[in-house]
Structures are given as structure tokens and as C-alpha cells.
Amino acid sequence: MARVFRRSSPGRFFKALTVAAALTVAMVTAPVSHAQGPASVADLAENLADAVVNISTAQNVSGQRALPLPQVPEGSPFQEFFEEFFNNQQPDADRPRRVQSLGSGFVIDGIEGIIVTNNHVIEGADEITVNFNDGTKLSAELIGTDEKTDLAVLKVTPHKELDAVNFGSSDNLRVGDWVMAIGNPFGLGGTVTVGIVSARNRDINAGPYDNFIQTDASINRGNSGGPLFNMDGQVVGINTAIFSPSGGSIGIGFAIPADTATRVIGQLREFGETRRGWLGVRIQEVTDEIAEGLGMDRARGALVAGVTEDGPANLSGIEPGDVILSFNGRLVPEMRDLPRMVANTTIGATVPVIILRRGEEVAMDVTLGKLEEMASIAQAEAVEDGDEVPQDKAVVLGLTLATINEELREQFTLSAEVKGVVVVNVEAGSAAEDKRIRPGDVLVEVAQEPVNSPADVQAEVQKLRDEDRRSALLLLSNGAGELRFVAVRIDAN
């Protein structure tokens, strides 16, 4: 595809030169300041360029017609006409096609020929070719991939030792630090761009372990898998995504932190797969309302909504309703921080955990298991609405509640293990409806106290009113027994 590069008109070009000359005079007369950034990165780029590679992939995909053949009745006189017409227009439509893509990568072991890139760069590829800065091309073997962090490790057989780069610590990066990206944008080849660290620990909903470095160094399509360097020439990130309505760089790019990548890369090299720690809990965010309902001074930690039977957390005594405040000696600022902490911990390690239970901090030790693909951290989903209202009921917090009986158990498809008080109706416009409580949900606890009847719920909510609490923390179950916590405003009902 041809690329069009526009030039300014002669008049605009003359004006631009005049402005540029004025700026040059101003820069010469202005005092030199470190705040202006590095004077040049030419030496740094020259020393690193040979370790950065372009990656091209090829994949065979089944052919598909651009326009489907019209459906006509069997034996119709038009059938032969349409088949002949479409075959003439698209003679190769059904043949397999060769699809190619481009990306970037970098060498981390010049002797073994180990190269790092993004998983999405090589995903589904039948052939992977690594193109070096000196024009050399080598076929690559896929060692391992990790979809959750979008990383892949390749291996080539070099004819001589390759230039390689080292990882630095991304934890030492500060917002405002200078960084440099080298990659293969739009297939143009080795391209150097410079910017700063715009933010850290960004969650862009790319996976469960998001903690991206955000940078304004220009990153475009084809930069994926390329390195992000600090000014010491160390890899502090792996460029992987951009935010762009147009498809080009608008100064918002994201890189996988080196401290996240190095552990994954080490496991892929050693085992061909990742091996992550597993706690065996279902967690949810501690909102301001939930924190108030638990008597916490502020929202922090991860709220345990459920534990896996015979999982590490269950065996260690962690229960639904506990808030995990600290894991392995590190505070848990938010819910999304805990999965990453657990995943980065060695399988089989026994680590200290501090939880908040009924207003008291409790310390315990947990021995981690291995995360399997089927072991997930998720929130429970509500079941479908029901419409029958039993006679024996009570209305609390905008919820019409009833004691569970066989009829309601069948109506709402509640398993035999589910205990508590069933919701049979939710008042329109109530705070409970805003929290997506639905008929068929079951109240298991109110303010961490078990409830078995509508009267129990009324009594617990009244206690909260007497204590001038603004919200009630409810533990809800769906029909399958999956739990979640919801804080419902008391003064809104």
C-alpha cells in the first residue's frame, strides 16, 4: 500500500524557517537546564539498535468469498448462472490465503538466541522470521507464550553471538523519567522515539494482572513487542498497546513493566509455561460504602466474597467477609493488586496474610497452591428475576424478603446448600435496585451476622440504624451458592 507524505507549501516553509531561526537564537541565549531533558540520545540509540529486531509472521487462513453466493431454489435456472458469474469474479475466493503481520522484539540472550516479543505479535503464526538490523534473517522457534501478560519467548540459531540488552527495574521508574522506544512502526524498520513516563500502574482492562507503564514516547502499530529503555540503556518495559481513536500515536502508549515481564519470561524459558501462585478466593472491590458497612476508616484491601473448598485460603481459615489487608508483608491497596501479588509468589510458599474480620485484624499463614486455568477469581452473577410473591414476607431496604421453602427453592432454582432469606421482589428506584440486587438472590448475612428469616434481617438493619450507620453490608448468594457483598444505603430507603 502506497504511503503519502505531505510537504508544506513554499510560503509556509519560509515562515517555518523564520520561526525556527528565532527559536534557535532563543535556545542559544537561554541558560542550559537539566529540565530540558537529555541533549541527545544518539549514542544510546546506536549502542542498542542491533539488539532490537523486527518480527514478521505468516499464517495460512482458509479462503472466504467477499460476497456470498445468492441462495436460489434447488434446480433453479439461475443457479448455474450465479455459480459461473461468481466463480469468474472471484476465481481464488475459496483458496487458502497467506496473511502476514509485523511487530518488534529484542534479544536478551545473544549466545542462546533468546528473543522477547508480545504474544499477540506471533499468535496463530505458522512461520516466524526475525529480521536483524544488519539485514540478517533467521527463522524462530516459539518457546512459550503467556496470554495473560501478552508475552512470548522465541529462539533463533545465530551464526555468531548476537547483541543483547539487559532488563532494569521498572519499580525504580518515576513519573517524568525519560524513556526511549525502539521498534518497527508500520513496517518502516528500526525507529527511535523518546518521551517520558506519563503514569504507572495503569489498568487498561487487558488482563487480570494489568499494571502498565504509560508513556508519551511515540508508539504505533508495529512497535508491539519492542523495548522501552531508560537512559541507562536498560529495558524497563515492553511496548504492547496504545490508546488511539485514529490508529496512530496520540501520545498515550502502554508498556509491560520489566519487573512483571522478567518473572514470566524466566518461567517460559524454563518450563515453556507460566506457573503462578493460587490462593483460592473470589474477591471484590472494597467500595466506600462497603468500607463504611464494615466499620473501616477508608476503602482498602480485597473483600473475600467466597473461598474454594479445600483451597489454600479455606485450609488456612480465611472466610467470606474477610478483607485481605496485607499479603506476604505487602499492603493490598486495592482489590486488583491482590491477584498480581499472589500470582508472583512461589507455588508452595507459606506467606503471612493479615485480614480484617469483624473489625479486628487477624494474622495467619497461607501455603499457596498452583493456579490452573479453571481456577478463576470472579464475582458472582445474579440469577434471573422471579415474579411470585409469597404471603409470609417482610419489606426491608426496598427488598421483599421471605424464608426459603421448597416452593421458593424450586421457583428460583436454589441449590440445597443455599441458606438464608430469599429476595422475591425489589422496589423500583430503590438503593437495592441500584446495586443490582434481583429476585432470586439470597441474603446470607447482614453486617456479617447470619440471617435465617425476614425478622432477622429487620432486626440487624434496626441495629445499624440505632448505631447511625449509613449503609448495611449484605452478603448475597445466587442459586448456585456463589457469594458477593453489596452495601445498601440505609438512609435511601
Protein backbone atom coordinates (compact mmCIF):
# COMPACT_ATOMS: atom_id res chain seq x y z
CA MET A 1 0.00 0.00 0.00
CA ALA A 2 1.44 3.39 -1.01
CA ARG A 3 2.13 5.93 1.70
CA VAL A 4 1.61 9.64 1.08
CA PHE A 5 3.91 12.13 2.82
CA ARG A 6 2.66 15.70 2.54
CA ARG A 7 5.02 18.69 2.28
CA SER A 8 4.30 22.25 3.36
CA SER A 9 3.82 24.94 0.68
CA PRO A 10 6.88 27.18 -0.06
CA GLY A 11 5.30 30.15 1.75
CA ARG A 12 4.60 28.11 4.87
CA PHE A 13 8.05 26.58 4.64
CA PHE A 14 9.69 30.06 4.66
CA LYS A 15 7.61 31.12 7.66
CA ALA A 16 8.54 27.90 9.44
CA LEU A 17 12.25 28.58 8.83
CA THR A 18 11.87 32.11 10.21
CA VAL A 19 10.19 30.83 13.37
CA ALA A 20 12.75 28.04 13.72
CA ALA A 21 15.61 30.58 13.43
CA ALA A 22 14.06 32.73 16.15
CA LEU A 23 13.67 29.72 18.41
CA THR A 24 17.29 28.72 17.76
CA VAL A 25 18.52 32.17 18.86
CA ALA A 26 16.38 31.95 21.98
CA MET A 27 17.74 28.49 22.81
CA VAL A 28 21.35 29.64 22.33
CA THR A 29 20.94 32.63 24.63
CA ALA A 30 18.89 30.72 27.25
CA PRO A 31 20.80 29.08 30.11
CA VAL A 32 21.24 25.30 29.86
CA SER A 33 19.00 23.40 32.30
CA HIS A 34 18.59 19.72 33.14
CA ALA A 35 14.84 20.36 32.99
CA GLN A 36 15.15 20.45 29.18
CA GLY A 37 15.86 16.72 29.11
CA PRO A 38 18.75 14.83 27.51
CA ALA A 39 20.67 16.81 24.90
CA SER A 40 20.86 13.74 22.65
CA VAL A 41 20.16 10.01 22.77
CA ALA A 42 22.19 9.29 19.63
CA ASP A 43 24.93 7.30 21.37
CA LEU A 44 22.39 5.36 23.41
CA ALA A 45 20.30 4.51 20.34
CA GLU A 46 23.36 3.48 18.34
CA ASN A 47 24.53 1.09 21.07
CA LEU A 48 21.11 -0.55 21.43
CA ALA A 49 19.81 -0.66 17.87
CA ASP A 50 21.39 -4.02 16.92
CA ALA A 51 19.67 -5.81 19.82
CA VAL A 52 16.21 -4.71 18.64
CA VAL A 53 14.64 -6.84 15.90
CA ASN A 54 11.73 -6.76 13.52
CA ILE A 55 9.47 -9.78 13.60
CA SER A 56 7.42 -10.88 10.61
CA THR A 57 4.93 -13.73 10.73
CA ALA A 58 2.99 -15.67 8.14
CA GLN A 59 -0.19 -17.63 8.61
CA ASN A 60 -2.34 -19.71 6.27
CA VAL A 61 -6.05 -18.93 6.63
CA SER A 62 -8.93 -20.57 4.84
CA GLY A 63 -10.33 -18.63 1.92
CA GLN A 64 -13.72 -16.95 2.10
CA ARG A 65 -15.73 -15.21 -0.56
CA ALA A 66 -16.03 -11.47 -0.21
CA LEU A 67 -19.63 -11.80 -1.43
CA PRO A 68 -21.66 -14.92 -0.60
CA LEU A 69 -23.32 -16.87 -3.38
CA PRO A 70 -27.02 -15.97 -3.50
CA GLN A 71 -29.39 -18.66 -2.27
CA VAL A 72 -31.66 -19.90 -5.06
CA PRO A 73 -34.11 -22.83 -5.13
CA GLU A 74 -32.58 -26.20 -5.98
CA GLY A 75 -32.79 -26.80 -9.73
CA SER A 76 -33.47 -23.14 -10.50
CA PRO A 77 -32.29 -21.99 -13.96
CA PHE A 78 -30.44 -19.12 -12.21
CA GLN A 79 -28.29 -21.48 -10.11
CA GLU A 80 -25.81 -22.28 -12.89
CA PHE A 81 -25.75 -18.60 -13.95
CA PHE A 82 -24.88 -17.34 -10.46
CA GLU A 83 -22.22 -20.01 -9.86
CA GLU A 84 -20.49 -19.22 -13.18
CA PHE A 85 -20.69 -15.45 -12.58
CA PHE A 86 -19.29 -15.53 -9.03
CA ASN A 87 -16.54 -18.01 -9.90
CA ASN A 88 -15.40 -15.75 -12.72
CA GLN A 89 -15.46 -12.68 -10.45
CA GLN A 90 -13.68 -14.43 -7.56
CA PRO A 91 -11.72 -17.34 -9.08
CA ASP A 92 -9.46 -17.79 -5.99
CA ALA A 93 -12.03 -16.95 -3.31
CA ASP A 94 -12.07 -20.39 -1.72
CA ARG A 95 -8.32 -20.98 -1.77
CA PRO A 96 -6.26 -20.60 1.43
CA ARG A 97 -4.68 -17.17 1.79
CA ARG A 98 -1.30 -16.17 3.20
CA VAL A 99 -1.63 -13.48 5.88
CA GLN A 100 1.44 -11.62 7.13
CA SER A 101 1.97 -9.28 10.06
CA LEU A 102 4.81 -7.26 11.54
CA GLY A 103 5.97 -6.50 15.06
CA SER A 104 9.06 -5.85 17.14
CA GLY A 105 11.19 -7.70 19.66
CA PHE A 106 14.59 -7.67 21.34
CA VAL A 107 17.41 -10.07 22.15
CA ILE A 108 18.01 -10.90 25.81
CA ASP A 109 20.49 -13.76 25.35
CA GLY A 110 22.92 -13.36 22.46
CA ILE A 111 24.53 -16.78 22.86
CA GLU A 112 21.34 -18.85 23.10
CA GLY A 113 19.46 -16.62 20.65
CA ILE A 114 16.56 -15.82 23.00
CA ILE A 115 14.18 -13.07 21.87
CA VAL A 116 11.22 -11.48 23.65
CA THR A 117 8.10 -10.06 21.99
CA ASN A 118 4.33 -9.80 22.51
CA ASN A 119 2.10 -12.84 22.33
CA HIS A 120 -0.29 -11.02 20.01
CA VAL A 121 2.55 -10.41 17.53
CA ILE A 122 3.11 -14.14 16.88
CA GLU A 123 -0.26 -15.61 17.89
CA GLY A 124 -1.50 -18.17 15.36
CA ALA A 125 1.60 -17.82 13.16
CA ASP A 126 2.79 -20.73 11.03
CA GLU A 127 6.14 -19.09 10.37
CA ILE A 128 8.11 -16.56 12.42
CA THR A 129 11.06 -14.69 10.90
CA VAL A 130 13.36 -12.42 12.87
CA ASN A 131 14.93 -9.56 10.91
CA PHE A 132 18.08 -8.02 12.38
CA ASN A 133 19.46 -4.52 11.97
CA ASP A 134 22.30 -5.73 9.70
CA GLY A 135 19.86 -7.37 7.28
CA THR A 136 20.22 -10.92 8.62
CA LYS A 137 17.04 -13.01 8.70
CA LEU A 138 16.59 -16.06 10.92
CA SER A 139 13.66 -18.42 11.42
CA ALA A 140 12.44 -18.51 15.00
CA GLU A 141 11.10 -21.27 17.19
CA LEU A 142 8.35 -20.47 19.71
CA ILE A 143 9.48 -21.38 23.24
CA GLY A 144 6.37 -20.31 25.14
CA THR A 145 3.64 -17.70 25.48
CA ASP A 146 1.54 -16.17 28.22
CA GLU A 147 -1.77 -14.66 27.13
CA LYS A 148 -2.48 -13.03 30.49
CA THR A 149 0.56 -10.75 30.26
CA ASP A 150 0.80 -10.81 26.43
CA LEU A 151 4.38 -12.10 26.38
CA ALA A 152 6.15 -14.57 24.11
CA VAL A 153 9.68 -16.01 24.05
CA LEU A 154 11.34 -17.03 20.77
CA LYS A 155 14.61 -18.80 19.96
CA VAL A 156 16.81 -18.46 16.90
CA THR A 157 20.03 -20.27 16.00
CA PRO A 158 22.57 -17.47 15.48
CA HIS A 159 25.69 -17.79 13.33
CA LYS A 160 27.55 -15.59 15.80
CA GLU A 161 26.85 -14.09 19.21
CA LEU A 162 24.04 -11.55 18.96
CA ASP A 163 23.92 -8.13 20.57
CA ALA A 164 21.67 -8.37 23.62
CA VAL A 165 20.15 -6.00 26.16
CA ASN A 166 19.53 -6.31 29.89
CA PHE A 167 16.45 -5.66 31.97
CA GLY A 168 16.38 -2.87 34.52
CA SER A 169 13.99 -2.28 37.41
CA SER A 170 10.67 -0.80 36.43
CA ASP A 171 9.86 -0.33 40.12
CA ASN A 172 12.50 2.40 40.25
CA LEU A 173 10.83 4.40 37.47
CA ARG A 174 9.30 7.71 38.41
CA VAL A 175 6.66 9.69 36.59
CA GLY A 176 8.58 12.19 34.47
CA ASP A 177 11.64 9.97 33.85
CA TRP A 178 12.91 9.95 30.26
CA VAL A 179 12.44 6.74 28.26
CA MET A 180 13.25 5.66 24.71
CA ALA A 181 11.36 3.23 22.46
CA ILE A 182 12.90 1.39 19.51
CA GLY A 183 10.71 -0.61 17.18
CA ASN A 184 9.22 -1.27 13.77
CA PRO A 185 6.23 1.07 13.37
CA PHE A 186 4.12 0.42 10.26
CA GLY A 187 6.90 -1.81 8.91
CA LEU A 188 9.28 1.13 8.42
CA GLY A 189 12.12 -0.59 10.27
CA GLY A 190 14.23 0.50 13.24
CA THR A 191 12.71 3.70 14.57
CA VAL A 192 13.71 5.58 17.73
CA THR A 193 11.30 7.74 19.73
CA VAL A 194 11.76 9.48 23.07
CA GLY A 195 9.33 10.58 25.75
CA ILE A 196 8.70 10.38 29.47
CA VAL A 197 6.92 8.06 31.87
CA SER A 198 3.45 9.60 31.97
CA ALA A 199 1.98 7.31 34.65
CA ARG A 200 2.49 3.97 36.35
CA ASN A 201 0.30 1.04 37.37
CA ARG A 202 -2.30 1.69 34.67
CA ASP A 203 -5.23 -0.73 34.40
CA ILE A 204 -6.49 -0.84 30.80
CA ASN A 205 -8.61 -4.00 31.22
CA ALA A 206 -6.23 -6.03 29.09
CA GLY A 207 -5.90 -8.84 31.66
CA PRO A 208 -6.03 -9.79 35.34
CA TYR A 209 -2.52 -8.53 36.08
CA ASP A 210 -2.62 -5.06 34.50
CA ASN A 211 -0.07 -2.58 35.86
CA PHE A 212 1.17 -0.91 32.69
CA ILE A 213 3.68 1.89 32.31
CA GLN A 214 2.11 4.77 30.39
CA THR A 215 4.42 6.80 28.16
CA ASP A 216 4.15 9.58 25.62
CA ALA A 217 7.08 8.20 23.59
CA SER A 218 5.57 7.63 20.14
CA ILE A 219 4.35 4.03 19.83
CA ASN A 220 2.45 2.88 16.75
CA ARG A 221 1.32 -0.34 15.09
CA GLY A 222 4.38 -2.49 14.62
CA ASN A 223 6.03 -1.26 17.84
CA SER A 224 4.34 -4.09 19.77
CA GLY A 225 6.90 -6.30 21.48
CA GLY A 226 9.67 -3.71 21.26
CA PRO A 227 11.68 -2.48 24.24
CA LEU A 228 11.20 0.67 26.29
CA PHE A 229 14.60 1.78 27.60
CA ASN A 230 15.64 4.01 30.45
CA MET A 231 18.51 6.43 29.97
CA ASP A 232 20.98 3.78 31.19
CA GLY A 233 20.08 1.56 28.23
CA GLN A 234 18.18 -0.98 30.34
CA VAL A 235 14.83 -2.43 29.27
CA VAL A 236 12.24 -1.17 31.74
CA GLY A 237 9.16 -2.05 29.70
CA ILE A 238 7.82 -3.96 26.69
CA ASN A 239 5.63 -1.85 24.42
CA THR A 240 2.31 -3.56 23.94
CA ALA A 241 -0.67 -1.23 23.42
CA ILE A 242 -1.75 2.28 22.51
CA PHE A 243 -4.85 4.35 23.07
CA SER A 244 -5.76 5.88 19.73
CA PRO A 245 -9.09 6.72 18.09
CA SER A 246 -7.26 7.09 14.76
CA GLY A 247 -4.92 4.08 14.91
CA GLY A 248 -1.81 6.28 15.17
CA SER A 249 0.07 7.60 18.16
CA ILE A 250 -1.56 10.39 20.16
CA GLY A 251 0.97 10.19 22.96
CA ILE A 252 -0.72 7.52 25.07
CA GLY A 253 1.18 4.24 24.91
CA PHE A 254 1.47 1.36 27.35
CA ALA A 255 4.33 -0.99 28.22
CA ILE A 256 4.51 -4.13 30.34
CA PRO A 257 6.78 -3.36 33.33
CA ALA A 258 10.12 -5.18 33.32
CA ASP A 259 9.58 -6.46 36.85
CA THR A 260 6.39 -8.18 35.71
CA ALA A 261 7.93 -9.48 32.49
CA THR A 262 11.18 -10.95 33.84
CA ARG A 263 9.43 -13.49 36.07
CA VAL A 264 7.14 -14.64 33.26
CA ILE A 265 10.00 -14.80 30.75
CA GLY A 266 12.10 -16.86 33.16
CA GLN A 267 9.30 -19.39 33.58
CA LEU A 268 8.63 -19.59 29.84
CA ARG A 269 12.31 -20.30 29.22
CA GLU A 270 12.50 -22.94 31.94
CA PHE A 271 9.11 -24.65 31.67
CA GLY A 272 7.53 -23.42 28.43
CA GLU A 273 4.59 -22.20 30.52
CA THR A 274 3.84 -19.91 33.45
CA ARG A 275 3.43 -21.23 36.98
CA ARG A 276 1.54 -18.85 39.24
CA GLY A 277 0.57 -18.98 42.87
CA TRP A 278 -3.08 -19.65 43.77
CA LEU A 279 -4.95 -18.51 46.88
CA GLY A 280 -8.39 -19.93 46.12
CA VAL A 281 -10.60 -16.92 46.82
CA ARG A 282 -13.24 -14.95 44.94
CA ILE A 283 -12.73 -11.29 45.68
CA GLN A 284 -14.43 -7.98 45.03
CA GLU A 285 -13.67 -4.30 45.45
CA VAL A 286 -13.98 -2.60 48.82
CA THR A 287 -16.04 0.46 47.94
CA ASP A 288 -16.51 3.44 50.24
CA GLU A 289 -19.97 2.13 51.16
CA ILE A 290 -18.69 -1.36 51.90
CA ALA A 291 -15.85 0.09 53.96
CA GLU A 292 -18.37 2.09 56.00
CA GLY A 293 -20.51 -1.01 56.43
CA LEU A 294 -17.50 -2.90 57.77
CA GLY A 295 -16.52 -0.07 60.09
CA MET A 296 -13.28 0.62 58.20
CA ASP A 297 -11.67 4.06 58.27
CA ARG A 298 -11.24 4.00 54.47
CA ALA A 299 -11.63 1.73 51.45
CA ARG A 300 -8.63 -0.59 51.04
CA GLY A 301 -7.77 -4.25 50.60
CA ALA A 302 -9.70 -7.01 48.84
CA LEU A 303 -13.04 -8.30 50.14
CA VAL A 304 -13.37 -12.09 50.12
CA ALA A 305 -16.71 -13.00 48.54
CA GLY A 306 -16.10 -16.74 48.54
CA VAL A 307 -13.45 -19.40 49.10
CA THR A 308 -12.74 -22.54 47.12
CA GLU A 309 -13.40 -25.72 49.05
CA ASP A 310 -10.11 -27.35 50.09
CA GLY A 311 -8.22 -24.42 48.52
CA PRO A 312 -5.27 -22.72 50.27
CA ALA A 313 -7.42 -19.92 51.73
CA ASN A 314 -10.07 -22.31 53.02
CA LEU A 315 -7.48 -24.58 54.63
CA SER A 316 -5.87 -21.57 56.32
CA GLY A 317 -9.14 -20.31 57.81
CA ILE A 318 -9.95 -17.37 55.51
CA GLU A 319 -13.72 -16.85 55.32
CA PRO A 320 -16.19 -14.89 53.18
CA GLY A 321 -16.47 -11.39 54.62
CA ASP A 322 -12.79 -11.15 55.49
CA VAL A 323 -10.87 -8.24 53.98
CA ILE A 324 -7.31 -9.09 52.96
CA LEU A 325 -5.25 -6.06 54.03
CA SER A 326 -1.73 -7.42 53.64
CA PHE A 327 -0.20 -10.28 51.66
CA ASN A 328 3.34 -11.58 52.12
CA GLY A 329 4.39 -8.47 54.01
CA ARG A 330 2.97 -6.00 51.46
CA LEU A 331 -0.14 -3.88 51.85
CA VAL A 332 -3.01 -4.53 49.42
CA PRO A 333 -4.09 -1.02 48.32
CA GLU A 334 -6.90 -2.20 46.03
CA MET A 335 -8.63 -5.40 45.02
CA ARG A 336 -6.87 -5.53 41.64
CA ASP A 337 -3.45 -5.58 43.33
CA LEU A 338 -4.02 -8.90 45.12
CA PRO A 339 -4.19 -11.25 42.08
CA ARG A 340 -0.85 -9.93 40.84
CA MET A 341 0.73 -10.34 44.28
CA VAL A 342 -0.50 -13.91 44.57
CA ALA A 343 0.46 -14.85 41.01
CA ASN A 344 4.02 -13.59 41.52
CA THR A 345 4.51 -15.68 44.67
CA THR A 346 6.27 -19.05 44.50
CA ILE A 347 3.99 -22.09 44.45
CA GLY A 348 4.14 -23.92 47.76
CA ALA A 349 5.45 -20.91 49.65
CA THR A 350 3.95 -20.18 53.06
CA VAL A 351 3.28 -16.45 53.36
CA PRO A 352 1.87 -14.20 56.12
CA VAL A 353 -1.57 -12.70 55.47
CA ILE A 354 -3.36 -10.06 57.54
CA ILE A 355 -7.15 -9.92 57.30
CA LEU A 356 -9.83 -7.72 58.83
CA ARG A 357 -12.58 -9.80 60.45
CA ARG A 358 -15.44 -8.17 62.35
CA GLY A 359 -13.39 -5.05 62.96
CA GLU A 360 -10.30 -6.89 64.22
CA GLU A 361 -7.06 -7.54 62.36
CA VAL A 362 -6.11 -11.22 62.31
CA ALA A 363 -2.73 -12.62 61.18
CA MET A 364 -2.42 -16.05 59.62
CA ASP A 365 -0.13 -18.06 57.37
CA VAL A 366 -1.25 -19.39 53.98
CA THR A 367 0.52 -22.01 51.84
CA LEU A 368 -0.14 -21.25 48.17
CA GLY A 369 -1.17 -23.74 45.54
CA LYS A 370 -0.71 -23.65 41.77
CA LEU A 371 -3.09 -21.63 39.63
CA GLU A 372 -4.75 -23.79 36.98
CA GLU A 373 -6.73 -22.41 34.04
CA MET A 374 -10.00 -23.42 35.66
CA ALA A 375 -9.18 -21.64 38.91
CA SER A 376 -10.57 -18.14 38.47
CA ILE A 377 -11.21 -15.06 40.56
CA ALA A 378 -14.64 -13.73 39.72
CA GLN A 379 -17.69 -12.15 41.17
CA ALA A 380 -20.99 -13.96 41.44
CA GLU A 381 -23.72 -13.17 38.95
CA ALA A 382 -27.33 -12.64 39.88
CA VAL A 383 -29.95 -15.17 38.77
CA GLU A 384 -32.97 -14.34 36.66
CA ASP A 385 -35.97 -12.45 38.02
CA GLY A 386 -38.94 -14.24 39.55
CA ASP A 387 -42.42 -12.81 39.84
CA GLU A 388 -44.38 -14.68 42.51
CA VAL A 389 -44.61 -13.07 45.97
CA PRO A 390 -45.33 -15.35 48.93
CA GLN A 391 -47.71 -14.24 51.65
CA ASP A 392 -45.25 -14.60 54.55
CA LYS A 393 -42.86 -11.74 53.83
CA ALA A 394 -41.25 -8.54 55.09
CA VAL A 395 -40.04 -5.43 53.28
CA VAL A 396 -36.60 -4.18 54.32
CA LEU A 397 -34.32 -1.74 52.44
CA GLY A 398 -36.63 -1.90 49.44
CA LEU A 399 -36.41 -5.70 49.36
CA THR A 400 -39.38 -8.03 49.76
CA LEU A 401 -37.98 -10.99 51.68
CA ALA A 402 -39.23 -14.47 52.52
CA THR A 403 -37.97 -17.51 54.38
CA ILE A 404 -36.75 -20.18 51.96
CA ASN A 405 -39.11 -23.11 51.49
CA GLU A 406 -39.30 -25.90 48.91
CA GLU A 407 -41.64 -23.91 46.66
CA LEU A 408 -39.29 -20.91 46.55
CA ARG A 409 -36.26 -23.15 46.19
CA GLU A 410 -37.84 -24.66 43.07
CA GLN A 411 -39.11 -21.31 41.75
CA PHE A 412 -35.71 -19.62 41.92
CA THR A 413 -33.60 -22.76 41.26
CA LEU A 414 -31.80 -22.57 44.59
CA SER A 415 -29.44 -25.41 45.38
CA ALA A 416 -29.92 -27.34 48.62
CA GLU A 417 -26.74 -25.80 50.08
CA VAL A 418 -28.04 -22.22 49.84
CA LYS A 419 -29.27 -20.93 53.21
CA GLY A 420 -30.68 -17.56 54.21
CA VAL A 421 -33.57 -15.29 53.22
CA VAL A 422 -34.69 -15.10 49.60
CA VAL A 423 -35.43 -11.85 47.76
CA VAL A 424 -38.79 -12.15 45.99
CA ASN A 425 -39.17 -8.55 44.86
CA VAL A 426 -37.07 -5.38 44.57
CA GLU A 427 -38.66 -1.94 44.82
CA ALA A 428 -38.20 0.09 41.64
CA GLY A 429 -35.85 3.04 42.13
CA SER A 430 -34.56 1.76 45.47
CA ALA A 431 -30.92 1.69 46.52
CA ALA A 432 -31.11 -2.11 46.38
CA GLU A 433 -32.11 -1.97 42.72
CA ASP A 434 -29.21 0.39 42.03
CA LYS A 435 -26.91 -2.27 43.48
CA ARG A 436 -28.38 -4.84 41.05
CA ILE A 437 -30.00 -6.99 43.69
CA ARG A 438 -32.55 -9.16 41.91
CA PRO A 439 -35.40 -11.52 42.85
CA GLY A 440 -33.86 -14.92 43.48
CA ASP A 441 -30.84 -13.53 45.31
CA VAL A 442 -30.50 -14.85 48.84
CA LEU A 443 -29.44 -12.79 51.87
CA VAL A 444 -26.95 -14.84 53.86
CA GLU A 445 -25.63 -12.17 56.23
CA VAL A 446 -26.39 -8.60 57.26
CA ALA A 447 -23.44 -6.70 58.75
CA GLN A 448 -21.60 -10.05 58.93
CA GLU A 449 -24.35 -11.60 61.07
CA PRO A 450 -26.13 -14.70 59.67
CA VAL A 451 -29.85 -14.30 58.90
CA ASN A 452 -32.42 -17.08 58.52
CA SER A 453 -35.70 -15.15 58.39
CA PRO A 454 -37.06 -11.75 57.32
CA ALA A 455 -37.32 -10.88 61.03
CA ASP A 456 -33.58 -11.47 61.43
CA VAL A 457 -32.92 -9.02 58.61
CA GLN A 458 -35.23 -6.41 60.13
CA ALA A 459 -33.51 -6.76 63.50
CA GLU A 460 -29.99 -6.40 62.09
CA VAL A 461 -30.91 -3.37 59.97
CA GLN A 462 -32.54 -1.75 63.01
CA LYS A 463 -29.32 -2.24 64.97
CA LEU A 464 -27.45 -0.44 62.23
CA ARG A 465 -29.96 2.43 62.34
CA ASP A 466 -29.52 2.68 66.10
CA GLU A 467 -25.75 2.92 65.57
CA ASP A 468 -26.29 5.69 62.99
CA ARG A 469 -24.77 3.56 60.24
CA ARG A 470 -25.37 4.93 56.76
CA SER A 471 -25.28 1.59 54.93
CA ALA A 472 -25.89 -2.09 55.51
CA LEU A 473 -23.37 -4.63 54.28
CA LEU A 474 -25.25 -7.56 52.76
CA LEU A 475 -23.78 -10.93 51.83
CA LEU A 476 -25.77 -12.30 48.91
CA SER A 477 -25.79 -15.70 47.24
CA ASN A 478 -27.09 -16.73 43.84
CA GLY A 479 -28.86 -20.01 43.24
CA ALA A 480 -25.60 -21.91 42.80
CA GLY A 481 -24.19 -20.67 46.10
CA GLU A 482 -21.75 -18.10 44.69
CA LEU A 483 -21.38 -15.16 47.08
CA ARG A 484 -20.91 -11.43 46.71
CA PHE A 485 -21.05 -8.43 49.05
CA VAL A 486 -23.23 -5.38 48.47
CA ALA A 487 -23.51 -2.25 50.61
CA VAL A 488 -27.03 -0.72 50.50
CA ARG A 489 -27.67 2.77 51.80
CA ILE A 490 -29.97 2.75 54.81
CA ASP A 491 -30.96 6.40 54.63
CA ALA A 492 -32.02 5.96 50.99
CA ASN A 493 -34.97 3.72 51.88
